[in-house]
Amino acid sequence: MTVPILKLNPVFRLQWEPAQDAHVLLYPEGMVQLNQSAGEILKRCDGMRDIDALIADLQQAFNAQDIGGEVRSFVAEAEQRGWLEAVR
């Protein structure tokens, strides 16, 4: 089974919004304010790494362990919402 490589759907733009002190997803109909974890995960959905590499990067960056389940859950939700799409 091939592990998908994900990227942000081009309809959305991820950016830091200083006024809200948060990452946001901008799209033609509006904006979604993200919590810190969601912003960090989506920043790494760059079309270059699979979910396992994304989790490893997050664990190293934040000195965190056992976050795979939570990251996979969020990524699945983001795919359902149309925020992410598979490159392969």
PDB file of N, CA and C in Angstrom:
ATOM      1  N   MET A   1       0.835  -1.176   0.000  1.00  0.00           N
ATOM      2  CA  MET A   1       0.000   0.000   0.000  1.00  0.00           C
ATOM      3  C   MET A   1       0.888   1.250   0.000  1.00  0.00           C
ATOM      4  N   THR A   2       0.600   2.162  -0.895  1.00  0.00           N
ATOM      5  CA  THR A   2       1.362   3.393  -0.999  1.00  0.00           C
ATOM      6  C   THR A   2       0.816   4.417  -0.007  1.00  0.00           C
ATOM      7  N   VAL A   3       1.710   5.016   0.741  1.00  0.00           N
ATOM      8  CA  VAL A   3       1.322   6.063   1.688  1.00  0.00           C
ATOM      9  C   VAL A   3       1.207   7.366   0.900  1.00  0.00           C
ATOM     10  N   PRO A   4       0.065   8.037   0.987  1.00  0.00           N
ATOM     11  CA  PRO A   4      -0.085   9.261   0.191  1.00  0.00           C
ATOM     12  C   PRO A   4       0.816  10.395   0.666  1.00  0.00           C
ATOM     13  N   ILE A   5       1.214  11.200  -0.291  1.00  0.00           N
ATOM     14  CA  ILE A   5       1.917  12.444  -0.002  1.00  0.00           C
ATOM     15  C   ILE A   5       0.883  13.537  -0.181  1.00  0.00           C
ATOM     16  N   LEU A   6       0.740  14.387   0.826  1.00  0.00           N
ATOM     17  CA  LEU A   6      -0.330  15.383   0.819  1.00  0.00           C
ATOM     18  C   LEU A   6       0.200  16.793   0.643  1.00  0.00           C
ATOM     19  N   LYS A   7      -0.651  17.622   0.050  1.00  0.00           N
ATOM     20  CA  LYS A   7      -0.341  19.042  -0.064  1.00  0.00           C
ATOM     21  C   LYS A   7      -1.622  19.823   0.164  1.00  0.00           C
ATOM     22  N   LEU A   8      -1.455  21.093   0.446  1.00  0.00           N
ATOM     23  CA  LEU A   8      -2.595  21.974   0.641  1.00  0.00           C
ATOM     24  C   LEU A   8      -3.345  22.116  -0.677  1.00  0.00           C
ATOM     25  N   ASN A   9      -4.647  22.008  -0.618  1.00  0.00           N
ATOM     26  CA  ASN A   9      -5.492  22.230  -1.789  1.00  0.00           C
ATOM     27  C   ASN A   9      -5.250  23.666  -2.264  1.00  0.00           C
ATOM     28  N   PRO A  10      -5.005  23.881  -3.559  1.00  0.00           N
ATOM     29  CA  PRO A  10      -4.685  25.224  -4.046  1.00  0.00           C
ATOM     30  C   PRO A  10      -5.797  26.263  -3.840  1.00  0.00           C
ATOM     31  N   VAL A  11      -6.995  25.827  -3.518  1.00  0.00           N
ATOM     32  CA  VAL A  11      -8.084  26.764  -3.213  1.00  0.00           C
ATOM     33  C   VAL A  11      -7.775  27.527  -1.922  1.00  0.00           C
ATOM     34  N   PHE A  12      -6.960  26.924  -1.052  1.00  0.00           N
ATOM     35  CA  PHE A  12      -6.656  27.498   0.256  1.00  0.00           C
ATOM     36  C   PHE A  12      -5.252  28.089   0.278  1.00  0.00           C
ATOM     37  N   ARG A  13      -5.087  29.095   1.106  1.00  0.00           N
ATOM     38  CA  ARG A  13      -3.760  29.668   1.338  1.00  0.00           C
ATOM     39  C   ARG A  13      -3.539  29.703   2.840  1.00  0.00           C
ATOM     40  N   LEU A  14      -2.441  29.105   3.273  1.00  0.00           N
ATOM     41  CA  LEU A  14      -2.074  29.087   4.684  1.00  0.00           C
ATOM     42  C   LEU A  14      -1.162  30.273   4.955  1.00  0.00           C
ATOM     43  N   GLN A  15      -1.490  31.057   5.971  1.00  0.00           N
ATOM     44  CA  GLN A  15      -0.613  32.165   6.330  1.00  0.00           C
ATOM     45  C   GLN A  15      -0.737  32.488   7.806  1.00  0.00           C
ATOM     46  N   TRP A  16       0.294  33.145   8.321  1.00  0.00           N
ATOM     47  CA  TRP A  16       0.292  33.619   9.703  1.00  0.00           C
ATOM     48  C   TRP A  16      -0.448  34.949   9.728  1.00  0.00           C
ATOM     49  N   GLU A  17      -1.367  35.080  10.644  1.00  0.00           N
ATOM     50  CA  GLU A  17      -2.159  36.304  10.792  1.00  0.00           C
ATOM     51  C   GLU A  17      -1.798  36.947  12.123  1.00  0.00           C
ATOM     52  N   PRO A  18      -0.927  37.970  12.111  1.00  0.00           N
ATOM     53  CA  PRO A  18      -0.485  38.590  13.368  1.00  0.00           C
ATOM     54  C   PRO A  18      -1.639  39.138  14.213  1.00  0.00           C
ATOM     55  N   ALA A  19      -2.652  39.682  13.578  1.00  0.00           N
ATOM     56  CA  ALA A  19      -3.771  40.255  14.326  1.00  0.00           C
ATOM     57  C   ALA A  19      -4.482  39.200  15.165  1.00  0.00           C
ATOM     58  N   GLN A  20      -4.471  37.954  14.680  1.00  0.00           N
ATOM     59  CA  GLN A  20      -5.133  36.866  15.410  1.00  0.00           C
ATOM     60  C   GLN A  20      -4.129  35.999  16.167  1.00  0.00           C
ATOM     61  N   ASP A  21      -2.839  36.282  15.981  1.00  0.00           N
ATOM     62  CA  ASP A  21      -1.783  35.507  16.613  1.00  0.00           C
ATOM     63  C   ASP A  21      -1.971  34.018  16.323  1.00  0.00           C
ATOM     64  N   ALA A  22      -2.274  33.709  15.050  1.00  0.00           N
ATOM     65  CA  ALA A  22      -2.555  32.322  14.666  1.00  0.00           C
ATOM     66  C   ALA A  22      -2.366  32.141  13.160  1.00  0.00           C
ATOM     67  N   HIS A  23      -2.154  30.892  12.766  1.00  0.00           N
ATOM     68  CA  HIS A  23      -2.210  30.557  11.348  1.00  0.00           C
ATOM     69  C   HIS A  23      -3.673  30.524  10.930  1.00  0.00           C
ATOM     70  N   VAL A  24      -3.915  30.913   9.694  1.00  0.00           N
ATOM     71  CA  VAL A  24      -5.266  30.854   9.151  1.00  0.00           C
ATOM     72  C   VAL A  24      -5.211  30.222   7.766  1.00  0.00           C
ATOM     73  N   LEU A  25      -6.321  29.645   7.373  1.00  0.00           N
ATOM     74  CA  LEU A  25      -6.510  29.155   6.008  1.00  0.00           C
ATOM     75  C   LEU A  25      -7.459  30.137   5.338  1.00  0.00           C
ATOM     76  N   LEU A  26      -6.986  30.765   4.290  1.00  0.00           N
ATOM     77  CA  LEU A  26      -7.821  31.693   3.545  1.00  0.00           C
ATOM     78  C   LEU A  26      -8.363  30.983   2.307  1.00  0.00           C
ATOM     79  N   TYR A  27      -9.595  31.260   1.980  1.00  0.00           N
ATOM     80  CA  TYR A  27     -10.217  30.716   0.772  1.00  0.00           C
ATOM     81  C   TYR A  27     -11.239  31.729   0.284  1.00  0.00           C
ATOM     82  N   PRO A  28     -11.704  31.592  -0.967  1.00  0.00           N
ATOM     83  CA  PRO A  28     -12.565  32.636  -1.536  1.00  0.00           C
ATOM     84  C   PRO A  28     -13.780  33.008  -0.682  1.00  0.00           C
ATOM     85  N   GLU A  29     -14.355  32.066   0.041  1.00  0.00           N
ATOM     86  CA  GLU A  29     -15.561  32.341   0.821  1.00  0.00           C
ATOM     87  C   GLU A  29     -15.276  32.799   2.243  1.00  0.00           C
ATOM     88  N   GLY A  30     -14.011  32.774   2.663  1.00  0.00           N
ATOM     89  CA  GLY A  30     -13.754  33.166   4.040  1.00  0.00           C
ATOM     90  C   GLY A  30     -12.397  32.752   4.559  1.00  0.00           C
ATOM     91  N   MET A  31     -12.393  32.433   5.851  1.00  0.00           N
ATOM     92  CA  MET A  31     -11.149  32.140   6.552  1.00  0.00           C
ATOM     93  C   MET A  31     -11.429  31.172   7.694  1.00  0.00           C
ATOM     94  N   VAL A  32     -10.456  30.298   7.947  1.00  0.00           N
ATOM     95  CA  VAL A  32     -10.519  29.379   9.082  1.00  0.00           C
ATOM     96  C   VAL A  32      -9.321  29.681   9.965  1.00  0.00           C
ATOM     97  N   GLN A  33      -9.573  30.001  11.232  1.00  0.00           N
ATOM     98  CA  GLN A  33      -8.475  30.204  12.179  1.00  0.00           C
ATOM     99  C   GLN A  33      -8.066  28.845  12.728  1.00  0.00           C
ATOM    100  N   LEU A  34      -6.770  28.579  12.734  1.00  0.00           N
ATOM    101  CA  LEU A  34      -6.241  27.285  13.158  1.00  0.00           C
ATOM    102  C   LEU A  34      -5.569  27.394  14.521  1.00  0.00           C
ATOM    103  N   ASN A  35      -5.609  26.309  15.271  1.00  0.00           N
ATOM    104  CA  ASN A  35      -4.810  26.295  16.497  1.00  0.00           C
ATOM    105  C   ASN A  35      -3.354  26.028  16.108  1.00  0.00           C
ATOM    106  N   GLN A  36      -2.465  26.123  17.075  1.00  0.00           N
ATOM    107  CA  GLN A  36      -1.036  25.994  16.780  1.00  0.00           C
ATOM    108  C   GLN A  36      -0.699  24.643  16.152  1.00  0.00           C
ATOM    109  N   SER A  37      -1.256  23.579  16.688  1.00  0.00           N
ATOM    110  CA  SER A  37      -0.954  22.241  16.170  1.00  0.00           C
ATOM    111  C   SER A  37      -1.385  22.104  14.718  1.00  0.00           C
ATOM    112  N   ALA A  38      -2.595  22.560  14.410  1.00  0.00           N
ATOM    113  CA  ALA A  38      -3.109  22.458  13.042  1.00  0.00           C
ATOM    114  C   ALA A  38      -2.226  23.253  12.079  1.00  0.00           C
ATOM    115  N   GLY A  39      -1.816  24.438  12.493  1.00  0.00           N
ATOM    116  CA  GLY A  39      -0.947  25.246  11.644  1.00  0.00           C
ATOM    117  C   GLY A  39       0.380  24.566  11.371  1.00  0.00           C
ATOM    118  N   GLU A  40       0.965  23.976  12.408  1.00  0.00           N
ATOM    119  CA  GLU A  40       2.253  23.291  12.246  1.00  0.00           C
ATOM    120  C   GLU A  40       2.123  22.063  11.344  1.00  0.00           C
ATOM    121  N   ILE A  41       1.027  21.344  11.453  1.00  0.00           N
ATOM    122  CA  ILE A  41       0.817  20.168  10.595  1.00  0.00           C
ATOM    123  C   ILE A  41       0.633  20.618   9.149  1.00  0.00           C
ATOM    124  N   LEU A  42      -0.247  21.582   8.924  1.00  0.00           N
ATOM    125  CA  LEU A  42      -0.528  22.010   7.550  1.00  0.00           C
ATOM    126  C   LEU A  42       0.690  22.643   6.886  1.00  0.00           C
ATOM    127  N   LYS A  43       1.550  23.327   7.658  1.00  0.00           N
ATOM    128  CA  LYS A  43       2.781  23.890   7.088  1.00  0.00           C
ATOM    129  C   LYS A  43       3.645  22.790   6.484  1.00  0.00           C
ATOM    130  N   ARG A  44       3.563  21.618   7.048  1.00  0.00           N
ATOM    131  CA  ARG A  44       4.413  20.517   6.607  1.00  0.00           C
ATOM    132  C   ARG A  44       3.774  19.678   5.496  1.00  0.00           C
ATOM    133  N   CYS A  45       2.543  19.955   5.163  1.00  0.00           N
ATOM    134  CA  CYS A  45       1.881  19.253   4.053  1.00  0.00           C
ATOM    135  C   CYS A  45       2.243  19.991   2.772  1.00  0.00           C
ATOM    136  N   ASP A  46       3.475  19.757   2.323  1.00  0.00           N
ATOM    137  CA  ASP A  46       4.063  20.538   1.233  1.00  0.00           C
ATOM    138  C   ASP A  46       4.170  19.773  -0.080  1.00  0.00           C
ATOM    139  N   GLY A  47       3.594  18.570  -0.115  1.00  0.00           N
ATOM    140  CA  GLY A  47       3.672  17.769  -1.333  1.00  0.00           C
ATOM    141  C   GLY A  47       4.990  17.042  -1.498  1.00  0.00           C
ATOM    142  N   MET A  48       5.842  17.108  -0.475  1.00  0.00           N
ATOM    143  CA  MET A  48       7.164  16.497  -0.555  1.00  0.00           C
ATOM    144  C   MET A  48       7.354  15.319   0.394  1.00  0.00           C
ATOM    145  N   ARG A  49       6.495  15.210   1.413  1.00  0.00           N
ATOM    146  CA  ARG A  49       6.697  14.148   2.399  1.00  0.00           C
ATOM    147  C   ARG A  49       5.386  13.434   2.693  1.00  0.00           C
ATOM    148  N   ASP A  50       5.533  12.171   3.064  1.00  0.00           N
ATOM    149  CA  ASP A  50       4.343  11.397   3.435  1.00  0.00           C
ATOM    150  C   ASP A  50       4.046  11.618   4.918  1.00  0.00           C
ATOM    151  N   ILE A  51       2.970  11.024   5.377  1.00  0.00           N
ATOM    152  CA  ILE A  51       2.505  11.246   6.755  1.00  0.00           C
ATOM    153  C   ILE A  51       3.543  10.792   7.784  1.00  0.00           C
ATOM    154  N   ASP A  52       4.251   9.711   7.494  1.00  0.00           N
ATOM    155  CA  ASP A  52       5.263   9.228   8.440  1.00  0.00           C
ATOM    156  C   ASP A  52       6.406  10.240   8.587  1.00  0.00           C
ATOM    157  N   ALA A  53       6.844  10.820   7.472  1.00  0.00           N
ATOM    158  CA  ALA A  53       7.901  11.830   7.518  1.00  0.00           C
ATOM    159  C   ALA A  53       7.407  13.093   8.217  1.00  0.00           C
ATOM    160  N   LEU A  54       6.150  13.443   7.982  1.00  0.00           N
ATOM    161  CA  LEU A  54       5.544  14.609   8.623  1.00  0.00           C
ATOM    162  C   LEU A  54       5.527  14.421  10.143  1.00  0.00           C
ATOM    163  N   ILE A  55       5.103  13.248  10.588  1.00  0.00           N
ATOM    164  CA  ILE A  55       5.056  12.951  12.027  1.00  0.00           C
ATOM    165  C   ILE A  55       6.456  12.986  12.624  1.00  0.00           C
ATOM    166  N   ALA A  56       7.425  12.392  11.941  1.00  0.00           N
ATOM    167  CA  ALA A  56       8.806  12.385  12.432  1.00  0.00           C
ATOM    168  C   ALA A  56       9.340  13.807  12.563  1.00  0.00           C
ATOM    169  N   ASP A  57       9.020  14.652  11.587  1.00  0.00           N
ATOM    170  CA  ASP A  57       9.469  16.044  11.633  1.00  0.00           C
ATOM    171  C   ASP A  57       8.846  16.782  12.816  1.00  0.00           C
ATOM    172  N   LEU A  58       7.561  16.586  13.051  1.00  0.00           N
ATOM    173  CA  LEU A  58       6.883  17.221  14.181  1.00  0.00           C
ATOM    174  C   LEU A  58       7.456  16.736  15.514  1.00  0.00           C
ATOM    175  N   GLN A  59       7.709  15.433  15.613  1.00  0.00           N
ATOM    176  CA  GLN A  59       8.262  14.889  16.858  1.00  0.00           C
ATOM    177  C   GLN A  59       9.628  15.492  17.148  1.00  0.00           C
ATOM    178  N   GLN A  60      10.432  15.646  16.113  1.00  0.00           N
ATOM    179  CA  GLN A  60      11.760  16.229  16.307  1.00  0.00           C
ATOM    180  C   GLN A  60      11.661  17.724  16.624  1.00  0.00           C
ATOM    181  N   ALA A  61      10.844  18.451  15.879  1.00  0.00           N
ATOM    182  CA  ALA A  61      10.737  19.905  16.057  1.00  0.00           C
ATOM    183  C   ALA A  61      10.220  20.288  17.441  1.00  0.00           C
ATOM    184  N   PHE A  62       9.313  19.475  17.979  1.00  0.00           N
ATOM    185  CA  PHE A  62       8.674  19.827  19.251  1.00  0.00           C
ATOM    186  C   PHE A  62       9.030  18.876  20.388  1.00  0.00           C
ATOM    187  N   ASN A  63      10.047  18.030  20.149  1.00  0.00           N
ATOM    188  CA  ASN A  63      10.483  17.078  21.158  1.00  0.00           C
ATOM    189  C   ASN A  63       9.277  16.345  21.756  1.00  0.00           C
ATOM    190  N   ALA A  64       8.445  15.826  20.874  1.00  0.00           N
ATOM    191  CA  ALA A  64       7.201  15.149  21.271  1.00  0.00           C
ATOM    192  C   ALA A  64       7.239  13.696  20.818  1.00  0.00           C
ATOM    193  N   GLN A  65       6.599  12.856  21.581  1.00  0.00           N
ATOM    194  CA  GLN A  65       6.511  11.441  21.233  1.00  0.00           C
ATOM    195  C   GLN A  65       5.041  11.035  21.194  1.00  0.00           C
ATOM    196  N   ASP A  66       4.767   9.935  20.538  1.00  0.00           N
ATOM    197  CA  ASP A  66       3.422   9.357  20.514  1.00  0.00           C
ATOM    198  C   ASP A  66       2.349  10.335  20.034  1.00  0.00           C
ATOM    199  N   ILE A  67       2.662  11.102  18.990  1.00  0.00           N
ATOM    200  CA  ILE A  67       1.670  12.035  18.444  1.00  0.00           C
ATOM    201  C   ILE A  67       1.091  11.547  17.117  1.00  0.00           C
ATOM    202  N   GLY A  68       1.551  10.391  16.663  1.00  0.00           N
ATOM    203  CA  GLY A  68       1.135   9.879  15.360  1.00  0.00           C
ATOM    204  C   GLY A  68      -0.370   9.753  15.206  1.00  0.00           C
ATOM    205  N   GLY A  69      -1.040   9.219  16.209  1.00  0.00           N
ATOM    206  CA  GLY A  69      -2.489   9.033  16.127  1.00  0.00           C
ATOM    207  C   GLY A  69      -3.227  10.348  15.984  1.00  0.00           C
ATOM    208  N   GLU A  70      -2.813  11.339  16.769  1.00  0.00           N
ATOM    209  CA  GLU A  70      -3.454  12.654  16.712  1.00  0.00           C
ATOM    210  C   GLU A  70      -3.197  13.337  15.370  1.00  0.00           C
ATOM    211  N   VAL A  71      -1.973  13.217  14.864  1.00  0.00           N
ATOM    212  CA  VAL A  71      -1.643  13.833  13.579  1.00  0.00           C
ATOM    213  C   VAL A  71      -2.443  13.158  12.465  1.00  0.00           C
ATOM    214  N   ARG A  72      -2.487  11.839  12.471  1.00  0.00           N
ATOM    215  CA  ARG A  72      -3.257  11.118  11.445  1.00  0.00           C
ATOM    216  C   ARG A  72      -4.735  11.487  11.498  1.00  0.00           C
ATOM    217  N   SER A  73      -5.269  11.643  12.688  1.00  0.00           N
ATOM    218  CA  SER A  73      -6.670  12.038  12.862  1.00  0.00           C
ATOM    219  C   SER A  73      -6.924  13.412  12.256  1.00  0.00           C
ATOM    220  N   PHE A  74      -6.047  14.361  12.569  1.00  0.00           N
ATOM    221  CA  PHE A  74      -6.209  15.706  12.030  1.00  0.00           C
ATOM    222  C   PHE A  74      -6.086  15.705  10.511  1.00  0.00           C
ATOM    223  N   VAL A  75      -5.099  14.993   9.987  1.00  0.00           N
ATOM    224  CA  VAL A  75      -4.897  14.949   8.535  1.00  0.00           C
ATOM    225  C   VAL A  75      -6.123  14.351   7.840  1.00  0.00           C
ATOM    226  N   ALA A  76      -6.698  13.295   8.413  1.00  0.00           N
ATOM    227  CA  ALA A  76      -7.905  12.692   7.842  1.00  0.00           C
ATOM    228  C   ALA A  76      -9.054  13.707   7.831  1.00  0.00           C
ATOM    229  N   GLU A  77      -9.206  14.444   8.922  1.00  0.00           N
ATOM    230  CA  GLU A  77     -10.244  15.483   8.999  1.00  0.00           C
ATOM    231  C   GLU A  77      -9.989  16.587   7.973  1.00  0.00           C
ATOM    232  N   ALA A  78      -8.732  17.004   7.835  1.00  0.00           N
ATOM    233  CA  ALA A  78      -8.381  18.051   6.869  1.00  0.00           C
ATOM    234  C   ALA A  78      -8.655  17.588   5.441  1.00  0.00           C
ATOM    235  N   GLU A  79      -8.413  16.311   5.165  1.00  0.00           N
ATOM    236  CA  GLU A  79      -8.738  15.763   3.834  1.00  0.00           C
ATOM    237  C   GLU A  79     -10.244  15.793   3.604  1.00  0.00           C
ATOM    238  N   GLN A  80     -11.011  15.392   4.606  1.00  0.00           N
ATOM    239  CA  GLN A  80     -12.476  15.409   4.489  1.00  0.00           C
ATOM    240  C   GLN A  80     -12.997  16.810   4.231  1.00  0.00           C
ATOM    241  N   ARG A  81     -12.394  17.782   4.856  1.00  0.00           N
ATOM    242  CA  ARG A  81     -12.828  19.173   4.690  1.00  0.00           C
ATOM    243  C   ARG A  81     -12.351  19.775   3.369  1.00  0.00           C
ATOM    244  N   GLY A  82     -11.503  19.032   2.653  1.00  0.00           N
ATOM    245  CA  GLY A  82     -10.999  19.520   1.372  1.00  0.00           C
ATOM    246  C   GLY A  82      -9.786  20.423   1.485  1.00  0.00           C
ATOM    247  N   TRP A  83      -9.200  20.528   2.685  1.00  0.00           N
ATOM    248  CA  TRP A  83      -8.040  21.375   2.881  1.00  0.00           C
ATOM    249  C   TRP A  83      -6.786  20.766   2.251  1.00  0.00           C
ATOM    250  N   LEU A  84      -6.720  19.432   2.252  1.00  0.00           N
ATOM    251  CA  LEU A  84      -5.555  18.716   1.721  1.00  0.00           C
ATOM    252  C   LEU A  84      -5.967  17.838   0.550  1.00  0.00           C
ATOM    253  N   GLU A  85      -4.991  17.598  -0.319  1.00  0.00           N
ATOM    254  CA  GLU A  85      -5.210  16.657  -1.415  1.00  0.00           C
ATOM    255  C   GLU A  85      -3.946  15.829  -1.603  1.00  0.00           C
ATOM    256  N   ALA A  86      -4.142  14.634  -2.116  1.00  0.00           N
ATOM    257  CA  ALA A  86      -3.007  13.728  -2.319  1.00  0.00           C
ATOM    258  C   ALA A  86      -2.262  14.092  -3.599  1.00  0.00           C
ATOM    259  N   VAL A  87      -0.936  14.107  -3.511  1.00  0.00           N
ATOM    260  CA  VAL A  87      -0.090  14.295  -4.676  1.00  0.00           C
ATOM    261  C   VAL A  87       0.022  12.964  -5.409  1.00  0.00           C
ATOM    262  N   ARG A  88       0.125  11.892  -4.611  1.00  0.00           N
ATOM    263  CA  ARG A  88       0.153  10.518  -5.157  1.00  0.00           C
ATOM    264  C   ARG A  88      -0.566   9.611  -4.191  1.00  0.00           C
TER     265      ARG A  88
END
